[in-house]
Amino acid sequence: MQDGEAASLAAAFALDLASWDEDHPQRRAAVLARYLPDAEVDQLWWDGTGRQRADTALPGRVDRLDDTHVVVDVRVRVTPFVRVTAIVRPLHPPPEHTPAGGAVPAVAPALEAPGWASCAAEWTRLRIPISRNEAGGLVVTLDGSPSRARGTG
């Protein structure tokens, strides 16, 4: 397993894992199910409330556990949102959009939504376990569940 290919999958998964929107939980569940088709993903690493958008993932150290298992340390920049009662832009929901050109949906919600205000972005670190399946493809594994890494350094 090449470190780069494991890091790429871990970064994409970390972005989707660290994004959520209580107004549209089905989007997150559908996207995470692509990574983990046999797992219960509705509230994986999320309590089902709030809104958060992960927009940048920087994969770092790849810890090799054996020939087919690694854990990737990923720094993720997230923007948390708070529910607001005052009128803030936008006054309408974001339009529906279907990805084109082979793109697939991500969990990250739109930058603006009625009833939500964004806060300052922050960084968090995740440790994402990756392994090879029987077909030789890379997969995210739950036997070493994604976890927050200690420290920020």
N, C-alpha and C. Protein backbone atom coordinates (compact mmCIF):
# COMPACT_ATOMS: atom_id res chain seq x y z
N MET A 1 0.86 -1.17 0.00
CA MET A 1 0.00 0.00 0.00
C MET A 1 0.90 1.24 0.00
N GLN A 2 0.65 2.11 -0.94
CA GLN A 2 1.41 3.36 -1.02
C GLN A 2 0.86 4.37 0.00
N ASP A 3 1.76 5.07 0.68
CA ASP A 3 1.33 6.07 1.66
C ASP A 3 0.43 7.12 1.02
N GLY A 4 0.77 7.55 -0.19
CA GLY A 4 0.01 8.60 -0.86
C GLY A 4 -1.43 8.22 -1.14
N GLU A 5 -1.66 6.99 -1.58
CA GLU A 5 -3.03 6.59 -1.87
C GLU A 5 -3.83 6.43 -0.58
N ALA A 6 -3.21 5.95 0.48
CA ALA A 6 -3.90 5.85 1.77
C ALA A 6 -4.20 7.25 2.31
N ALA A 7 -3.25 8.16 2.18
CA ALA A 7 -3.45 9.53 2.66
C ALA A 7 -4.57 10.22 1.91
N SER A 8 -4.68 9.98 0.61
CA SER A 8 -5.73 10.59 -0.20
C SER A 8 -7.11 10.13 0.26
N LEU A 9 -7.28 8.83 0.44
CA LEU A 9 -8.56 8.30 0.92
C LEU A 9 -8.86 8.81 2.32
N ALA A 10 -7.86 8.82 3.20
CA ALA A 10 -8.07 9.29 4.58
C ALA A 10 -8.48 10.76 4.61
N ALA A 11 -7.88 11.58 3.76
CA ALA A 11 -8.23 13.00 3.72
C ALA A 11 -9.66 13.21 3.25
N ALA A 12 -10.06 12.51 2.19
CA ALA A 12 -11.44 12.64 1.69
C ALA A 12 -12.44 12.18 2.75
N PHE A 13 -12.16 11.06 3.38
CA PHE A 13 -13.06 10.55 4.42
C PHE A 13 -13.12 11.50 5.61
N ALA A 14 -11.97 12.04 6.02
CA ALA A 14 -11.93 12.97 7.16
C ALA A 14 -12.80 14.20 6.89
N LEU A 15 -12.75 14.72 5.67
CA LEU A 15 -13.59 15.88 5.31
C LEU A 15 -15.07 15.54 5.43
N ASP A 16 -15.45 14.38 4.93
CA ASP A 16 -16.86 13.99 5.00
C ASP A 16 -17.27 13.64 6.43
N LEU A 17 -16.40 13.00 7.18
CA LEU A 17 -16.70 12.63 8.56
C LEU A 17 -16.89 13.86 9.45
N ALA A 18 -16.10 14.90 9.21
CA ALA A 18 -16.12 16.10 10.06
C ALA A 18 -17.11 17.15 9.57
N SER A 19 -17.96 16.82 8.62
CA SER A 19 -19.00 17.73 8.12
C SER A 19 -20.36 17.14 8.46
N TRP A 20 -21.31 18.02 8.82
CA TRP A 20 -22.67 17.57 9.08
C TRP A 20 -23.63 18.74 9.06
N ASP A 21 -24.91 18.41 8.94
CA ASP A 21 -25.96 19.41 8.91
C ASP A 21 -27.23 18.75 9.42
N GLU A 22 -27.69 19.18 10.59
CA GLU A 22 -28.87 18.55 11.17
C GLU A 22 -30.11 18.74 10.31
N ASP A 23 -30.11 19.75 9.44
CA ASP A 23 -31.24 19.96 8.55
C ASP A 23 -31.25 18.98 7.37
N HIS A 24 -30.12 18.33 7.11
CA HIS A 24 -30.00 17.38 6.00
C HIS A 24 -29.14 16.18 6.39
N PRO A 25 -29.53 15.43 7.42
CA PRO A 25 -28.70 14.31 7.88
C PRO A 25 -28.60 13.18 6.86
N GLN A 26 -29.59 13.05 5.99
CA GLN A 26 -29.58 11.97 5.01
C GLN A 26 -28.42 12.13 4.02
N ARG A 27 -28.01 13.35 3.73
CA ARG A 27 -26.88 13.57 2.82
C ARG A 27 -25.61 12.97 3.41
N ARG A 28 -25.35 13.25 4.68
CA ARG A 28 -24.16 12.72 5.34
C ARG A 28 -24.20 11.19 5.38
N ALA A 29 -25.35 10.63 5.75
CA ALA A 29 -25.48 9.18 5.81
C ALA A 29 -25.20 8.54 4.45
N ALA A 30 -25.74 9.12 3.39
CA ALA A 30 -25.54 8.57 2.05
C ALA A 30 -24.07 8.63 1.62
N VAL A 31 -23.42 9.75 1.91
CA VAL A 31 -22.01 9.90 1.52
C VAL A 31 -21.12 8.95 2.33
N LEU A 32 -21.30 8.89 3.64
CA LEU A 32 -20.47 8.01 4.46
C LEU A 32 -20.70 6.54 4.13
N ALA A 33 -21.90 6.21 3.67
CA ALA A 33 -22.18 4.82 3.28
C ALA A 33 -21.34 4.38 2.09
N ARG A 34 -20.88 5.33 1.27
CA ARG A 34 -19.97 4.96 0.17
C ARG A 34 -18.65 4.44 0.71
N TYR A 35 -18.19 5.01 1.81
CA TYR A 35 -16.93 4.57 2.42
C TYR A 35 -17.13 3.30 3.24
N LEU A 36 -18.27 3.21 3.92
CA LEU A 36 -18.53 2.15 4.88
C LEU A 36 -19.89 1.51 4.60
N PRO A 37 -20.00 0.75 3.51
CA PRO A 37 -21.31 0.25 3.09
C PRO A 37 -21.97 -0.70 4.08
N ASP A 38 -21.21 -1.35 4.93
CA ASP A 38 -21.78 -2.34 5.86
C ASP A 38 -21.88 -1.81 7.29
N ALA A 39 -21.69 -0.52 7.48
CA ALA A 39 -21.69 0.04 8.83
C ALA A 39 -22.88 0.95 9.05
N GLU A 40 -23.24 1.14 10.30
CA GLU A 40 -24.27 2.10 10.69
C GLU A 40 -23.60 3.47 10.74
N VAL A 41 -23.90 4.34 9.79
CA VAL A 41 -23.16 5.60 9.66
C VAL A 41 -23.97 6.85 9.98
N ASP A 42 -25.27 6.69 10.28
CA ASP A 42 -26.13 7.86 10.47
C ASP A 42 -25.54 8.87 11.44
N GLN A 43 -25.01 8.41 12.56
CA GLN A 43 -24.45 9.34 13.54
C GLN A 43 -23.02 8.98 13.91
N LEU A 44 -22.29 8.41 12.97
CA LEU A 44 -20.89 8.09 13.20
C LEU A 44 -20.12 9.36 13.51
N TRP A 45 -19.57 9.46 14.71
CA TRP A 45 -18.74 10.58 15.15
C TRP A 45 -19.53 11.89 15.22
N TRP A 46 -20.87 11.79 15.33
CA TRP A 46 -21.74 12.98 15.35
C TRP A 46 -22.99 12.64 16.12
N ASP A 47 -23.49 13.58 16.93
CA ASP A 47 -24.66 13.30 17.76
C ASP A 47 -25.98 13.63 17.07
N GLY A 48 -25.93 14.06 15.81
CA GLY A 48 -27.15 14.35 15.07
C GLY A 48 -27.64 15.78 15.18
N THR A 49 -26.90 16.61 15.92
CA THR A 49 -27.32 18.00 16.06
C THR A 49 -26.24 18.93 15.53
N GLY A 50 -26.66 20.13 15.15
CA GLY A 50 -25.72 21.15 14.73
C GLY A 50 -25.37 21.09 13.26
N ARG A 51 -24.42 21.95 12.93
CA ARG A 51 -23.98 22.09 11.54
C ARG A 51 -22.49 22.39 11.56
N GLN A 52 -21.74 21.74 10.72
CA GLN A 52 -20.29 21.97 10.64
C GLN A 52 -19.84 21.65 9.22
N ARG A 53 -18.89 22.44 8.74
CA ARG A 53 -18.36 22.26 7.38
C ARG A 53 -16.85 22.09 7.46
N ALA A 54 -16.36 20.96 7.01
CA ALA A 54 -14.92 20.73 6.89
C ALA A 54 -14.53 21.08 5.46
N ASP A 55 -13.48 21.92 5.31
CA ASP A 55 -13.14 22.37 3.96
C ASP A 55 -11.71 22.10 3.54
N THR A 56 -10.85 21.76 4.48
CA THR A 56 -9.45 21.50 4.13
C THR A 56 -8.95 20.33 4.95
N ALA A 57 -8.29 19.38 4.30
CA ALA A 57 -7.69 18.24 5.00
C ALA A 57 -6.23 18.13 4.59
N LEU A 58 -5.37 18.03 5.58
CA LEU A 58 -3.93 17.89 5.33
C LEU A 58 -3.45 16.58 5.94
N PRO A 59 -3.30 15.54 5.10
CA PRO A 59 -2.80 14.28 5.64
C PRO A 59 -1.33 14.41 5.99
N GLY A 60 -0.97 13.77 7.08
CA GLY A 60 0.42 13.83 7.54
C GLY A 60 0.99 12.43 7.70
N ARG A 61 1.42 12.14 8.89
CA ARG A 61 2.10 10.87 9.18
C ARG A 61 1.21 9.67 8.87
N VAL A 62 1.80 8.67 8.24
CA VAL A 62 1.13 7.41 7.97
C VAL A 62 1.83 6.35 8.81
N ASP A 63 1.10 5.82 9.80
CA ASP A 63 1.65 4.76 10.65
C ASP A 63 1.28 3.41 10.06
N ARG A 64 2.28 2.66 9.66
CA ARG A 64 2.07 1.35 9.05
C ARG A 64 1.95 0.30 10.16
N LEU A 65 0.77 -0.35 10.24
CA LEU A 65 0.54 -1.38 11.25
C LEU A 65 1.01 -2.74 10.75
N ASP A 66 0.82 -3.01 9.46
CA ASP A 66 1.31 -4.22 8.80
C ASP A 66 1.23 -3.97 7.30
N ASP A 67 1.35 -5.00 6.49
CA ASP A 67 1.36 -4.81 5.03
C ASP A 67 0.05 -4.28 4.47
N THR A 68 -1.05 -4.48 5.18
CA THR A 68 -2.35 -4.08 4.63
C THR A 68 -3.12 -3.10 5.52
N HIS A 69 -2.53 -2.62 6.60
CA HIS A 69 -3.22 -1.70 7.51
C HIS A 69 -2.34 -0.52 7.88
N VAL A 70 -2.89 0.68 7.74
CA VAL A 70 -2.19 1.90 8.16
C VAL A 70 -3.19 2.79 8.90
N VAL A 71 -2.65 3.74 9.63
CA VAL A 71 -3.46 4.78 10.25
C VAL A 71 -2.86 6.11 9.82
N VAL A 72 -3.70 6.99 9.26
CA VAL A 72 -3.24 8.26 8.73
C VAL A 72 -3.67 9.39 9.66
N ASP A 73 -2.72 10.22 10.04
CA ASP A 73 -3.00 11.40 10.84
C ASP A 73 -3.41 12.52 9.87
N VAL A 74 -4.61 13.08 10.08
CA VAL A 74 -5.13 14.10 9.16
C VAL A 74 -5.55 15.33 9.97
N ARG A 75 -5.04 16.49 9.58
CA ARG A 75 -5.49 17.75 10.17
C ARG A 75 -6.62 18.28 9.29
N VAL A 76 -7.72 18.66 9.93
CA VAL A 76 -8.91 19.10 9.21
C VAL A 76 -9.33 20.46 9.72
N ARG A 77 -9.53 21.41 8.78
CA ARG A 77 -10.05 22.71 9.16
C ARG A 77 -11.57 22.67 9.02
N VAL A 78 -12.25 23.01 10.12
CA VAL A 78 -13.71 22.98 10.14
C VAL A 78 -14.25 24.35 10.51
N THR A 79 -15.44 24.64 9.99
CA THR A 79 -16.17 25.84 10.36
C THR A 79 -17.45 25.39 11.06
N PRO A 80 -17.55 25.64 12.37
CA PRO A 80 -18.80 25.33 13.06
C PRO A 80 -19.82 26.42 12.82
N PHE A 81 -21.09 26.08 12.91
CA PHE A 81 -22.19 27.02 12.74
C PHE A 81 -23.03 27.02 14.01
N VAL A 82 -23.68 28.14 14.28
CA VAL A 82 -24.61 28.21 15.39
C VAL A 82 -25.98 28.59 14.84
N ARG A 83 -26.99 28.07 15.48
CA ARG A 83 -28.37 28.37 15.08
C ARG A 83 -28.66 29.81 15.51
N VAL A 84 -29.29 30.58 14.63
CA VAL A 84 -29.62 31.97 14.94
C VAL A 84 -31.12 32.19 14.73
N THR A 85 -31.66 33.12 15.51
CA THR A 85 -33.08 33.44 15.36
C THR A 85 -33.28 34.74 14.60
N ALA A 86 -32.24 35.59 14.57
CA ALA A 86 -32.34 36.84 13.81
C ALA A 86 -32.29 36.51 12.32
N ILE A 87 -32.78 37.41 11.52
CA ILE A 87 -32.72 37.21 10.07
C ILE A 87 -31.30 37.47 9.60
N VAL A 88 -30.70 36.47 9.01
CA VAL A 88 -29.36 36.59 8.42
C VAL A 88 -29.43 36.04 7.01
N ARG A 89 -28.52 36.46 6.18
CA ARG A 89 -28.48 35.95 4.81
C ARG A 89 -28.03 34.52 4.83
N PRO A 90 -28.45 33.68 3.91
CA PRO A 90 -29.42 33.97 2.87
C PRO A 90 -30.84 33.81 3.40
N LEU A 91 -31.77 34.41 2.72
CA LEU A 91 -33.16 34.33 3.11
C LEU A 91 -33.86 33.14 2.45
N HIS A 92 -33.16 32.43 1.61
CA HIS A 92 -33.74 31.28 0.92
C HIS A 92 -32.77 30.11 1.05
N PRO A 93 -33.27 28.89 0.94
CA PRO A 93 -32.37 27.73 1.02
C PRO A 93 -31.47 27.66 -0.20
N PRO A 94 -30.29 27.04 -0.05
CA PRO A 94 -29.42 26.89 -1.22
C PRO A 94 -30.12 26.04 -2.28
N PRO A 95 -29.87 26.33 -3.56
CA PRO A 95 -30.52 25.56 -4.62
C PRO A 95 -29.99 24.13 -4.67
N GLU A 96 -30.83 23.23 -5.16
CA GLU A 96 -30.38 21.85 -5.37
C GLU A 96 -29.39 21.83 -6.52
N HIS A 97 -28.43 20.94 -6.44
CA HIS A 97 -27.39 20.85 -7.47
C HIS A 97 -26.98 19.40 -7.61
N THR A 98 -26.83 18.94 -8.83
CA THR A 98 -26.36 17.59 -9.10
C THR A 98 -24.95 17.68 -9.66
N PRO A 99 -23.97 17.02 -8.99
CA PRO A 99 -22.60 17.06 -9.50
C PRO A 99 -22.52 16.55 -10.93
N ALA A 100 -21.64 17.14 -11.71
CA ALA A 100 -21.47 16.76 -13.11
C ALA A 100 -20.04 16.29 -13.36
N GLY A 101 -19.83 15.68 -14.49
CA GLY A 101 -18.49 15.29 -14.90
C GLY A 101 -17.85 14.21 -14.06
N GLY A 102 -18.64 13.31 -13.49
CA GLY A 102 -18.10 12.23 -12.70
C GLY A 102 -17.87 12.58 -11.25
N ALA A 103 -18.14 13.82 -10.84
CA ALA A 103 -17.99 14.20 -9.43
C ALA A 103 -19.05 13.51 -8.59
N VAL A 104 -18.76 13.30 -7.32
CA VAL A 104 -19.72 12.70 -6.39
C VAL A 104 -19.95 13.67 -5.24
N PRO A 105 -21.11 13.62 -4.59
CA PRO A 105 -21.39 14.56 -3.50
C PRO A 105 -20.43 14.38 -2.33
N ALA A 106 -20.21 15.46 -1.62
CA ALA A 106 -19.48 15.45 -0.35
C ALA A 106 -20.49 15.82 0.74
N VAL A 107 -20.12 15.60 1.98
CA VAL A 107 -21.02 15.92 3.10
C VAL A 107 -21.08 17.41 3.36
N ALA A 108 -20.00 18.14 3.15
CA ALA A 108 -19.91 19.55 3.53
C ALA A 108 -21.14 20.34 3.08
N PRO A 109 -21.82 20.98 4.03
CA PRO A 109 -22.99 21.76 3.66
C PRO A 109 -22.59 23.06 2.95
N ALA A 110 -23.58 23.71 2.36
CA ALA A 110 -23.34 25.00 1.70
C ALA A 110 -22.78 26.00 2.70
N LEU A 111 -22.09 27.00 2.19
CA LEU A 111 -21.48 28.01 3.07
C LEU A 111 -22.51 28.82 3.84
N GLU A 112 -23.71 28.97 3.29
CA GLU A 112 -24.76 29.73 3.94
C GLU A 112 -26.05 28.94 3.92
N ALA A 113 -26.86 29.12 4.97
CA ALA A 113 -28.17 28.48 5.03
C ALA A 113 -29.06 29.29 5.97
N PRO A 114 -30.34 29.32 5.68
CA PRO A 114 -31.25 30.06 6.56
C PRO A 114 -31.19 29.52 7.98
N GLY A 115 -31.11 30.43 8.95
CA GLY A 115 -31.13 30.04 10.35
C GLY A 115 -29.79 29.65 10.93
N TRP A 116 -28.71 29.78 10.16
CA TRP A 116 -27.37 29.40 10.65
C TRP A 116 -26.39 30.55 10.41
N ALA A 117 -25.48 30.73 11.34
CA ALA A 117 -24.39 31.70 11.19
C ALA A 117 -23.08 30.96 11.40
N SER A 118 -22.11 31.22 10.54
CA SER A 118 -20.82 30.55 10.67
C SER A 118 -19.96 31.21 11.73
N CYS A 119 -19.14 30.41 12.37
CA CYS A 119 -18.18 30.88 13.37
C CYS A 119 -16.79 30.85 12.74
N ALA A 120 -15.81 31.29 13.48
CA ALA A 120 -14.43 31.23 12.99
C ALA A 120 -14.02 29.76 12.82
N ALA A 121 -13.22 29.52 11.80
CA ALA A 121 -12.75 28.16 11.52
C ALA A 121 -11.78 27.71 12.60
N GLU A 122 -11.65 26.40 12.74
CA GLU A 122 -10.72 25.81 13.70
C GLU A 122 -10.13 24.53 13.10
N TRP A 123 -9.01 24.10 13.66
CA TRP A 123 -8.34 22.88 13.20
C TRP A 123 -8.58 21.76 14.20
N THR A 124 -8.77 20.57 13.68
CA THR A 124 -8.85 19.38 14.50
C THR A 124 -8.02 18.29 13.83
N ARG A 125 -7.60 17.32 14.60
CA ARG A 125 -6.81 16.22 14.03
C ARG A 125 -7.56 14.92 14.20
N LEU A 126 -7.51 14.11 13.17
CA LEU A 126 -8.15 12.79 13.18
C LEU A 126 -7.11 11.74 12.82
N ARG A 127 -7.34 10.54 13.31
CA ARG A 127 -6.53 9.39 12.92
C ARG A 127 -7.47 8.43 12.20
N ILE A 128 -7.22 8.24 10.91
CA ILE A 128 -8.12 7.47 10.06
C ILE A 128 -7.47 6.13 9.70
N PRO A 129 -8.10 5.01 10.10
CA PRO A 129 -7.56 3.68 9.75
C PRO A 129 -7.95 3.29 8.32
N ILE A 130 -6.97 2.83 7.58
CA ILE A 130 -7.16 2.42 6.18
C ILE A 130 -6.58 1.01 6.02
N SER A 131 -7.25 0.18 5.24
CA SER A 131 -6.72 -1.16 4.97
C SER A 131 -7.04 -1.56 3.53
N ARG A 132 -6.51 -2.70 3.12
CA ARG A 132 -6.83 -3.27 1.81
C ARG A 132 -7.91 -4.32 2.01
N ASN A 133 -8.89 -4.32 1.11
CA ASN A 133 -9.91 -5.36 1.17
C ASN A 133 -9.48 -6.56 0.34
N GLU A 134 -10.32 -7.59 0.29
CA GLU A 134 -9.98 -8.82 -0.44
C GLU A 134 -9.77 -8.57 -1.92
N ALA A 135 -10.45 -7.56 -2.47
CA ALA A 135 -10.32 -7.25 -3.89
C ALA A 135 -9.08 -6.40 -4.19
N GLY A 136 -8.35 -6.01 -3.15
CA GLY A 136 -7.14 -5.22 -3.32
C GLY A 136 -7.34 -3.73 -3.25
N GLY A 137 -8.59 -3.29 -3.07
CA GLY A 137 -8.86 -1.86 -2.98
C GLY A 137 -8.64 -1.33 -1.58
N LEU A 138 -8.46 -0.03 -1.47
CA LEU A 138 -8.31 0.60 -0.17
C LEU A 138 -9.67 0.93 0.41
N VAL A 139 -9.82 0.73 1.71
CA VAL A 139 -11.07 1.02 2.41
C VAL A 139 -10.78 1.63 3.76
N VAL A 140 -11.73 2.43 4.24
CA VAL A 140 -11.69 2.92 5.61
C VAL A 140 -12.20 1.78 6.47
N THR A 141 -11.53 1.53 7.59
CA THR A 141 -11.95 0.43 8.46
C THR A 141 -12.43 0.98 9.79
N LEU A 142 -13.42 0.30 10.36
CA LEU A 142 -13.94 0.71 11.66
C LEU A 142 -13.33 -0.09 12.81
N ASP A 143 -12.55 -1.12 12.51
CA ASP A 143 -11.93 -1.88 13.60
C ASP A 143 -10.92 -1.02 14.35
N GLY A 144 -10.44 0.03 13.74
CA GLY A 144 -9.63 1.04 14.40
C GLY A 144 -10.35 2.35 14.18
N SER A 145 -11.51 2.54 14.79
CA SER A 145 -12.40 3.66 14.52
C SER A 145 -11.68 4.99 14.42
N PRO A 146 -12.16 5.88 13.53
CA PRO A 146 -11.58 7.22 13.45
C PRO A 146 -11.59 7.87 14.82
N SER A 147 -10.52 8.51 15.16
CA SER A 147 -10.45 9.15 16.47
C SER A 147 -9.78 10.49 16.36
N ARG A 148 -10.03 11.31 17.36
CA ARG A 148 -9.32 12.58 17.41
C ARG A 148 -7.91 12.30 17.90
N ALA A 149 -6.96 12.90 17.23
CA ALA A 149 -5.57 12.75 17.64
C ALA A 149 -5.29 13.65 18.83
N ARG A 150 -4.34 13.29 19.65
CA ARG A 150 -3.99 14.10 20.80
C ARG A 150 -3.09 15.26 20.36
N GLY A 151 -3.32 16.40 20.96
CA GLY A 151 -2.49 17.56 20.70
C GLY A 151 -2.75 18.18 19.34
N THR A 152 -2.06 19.24 19.08
CA THR A 152 -2.23 19.94 17.81
C THR A 152 -0.91 20.04 17.05
N GLY A 153 0.15 19.56 17.62
CA GLY A 153 1.46 19.73 17.00
C GLY A 153 1.83 18.76 15.98
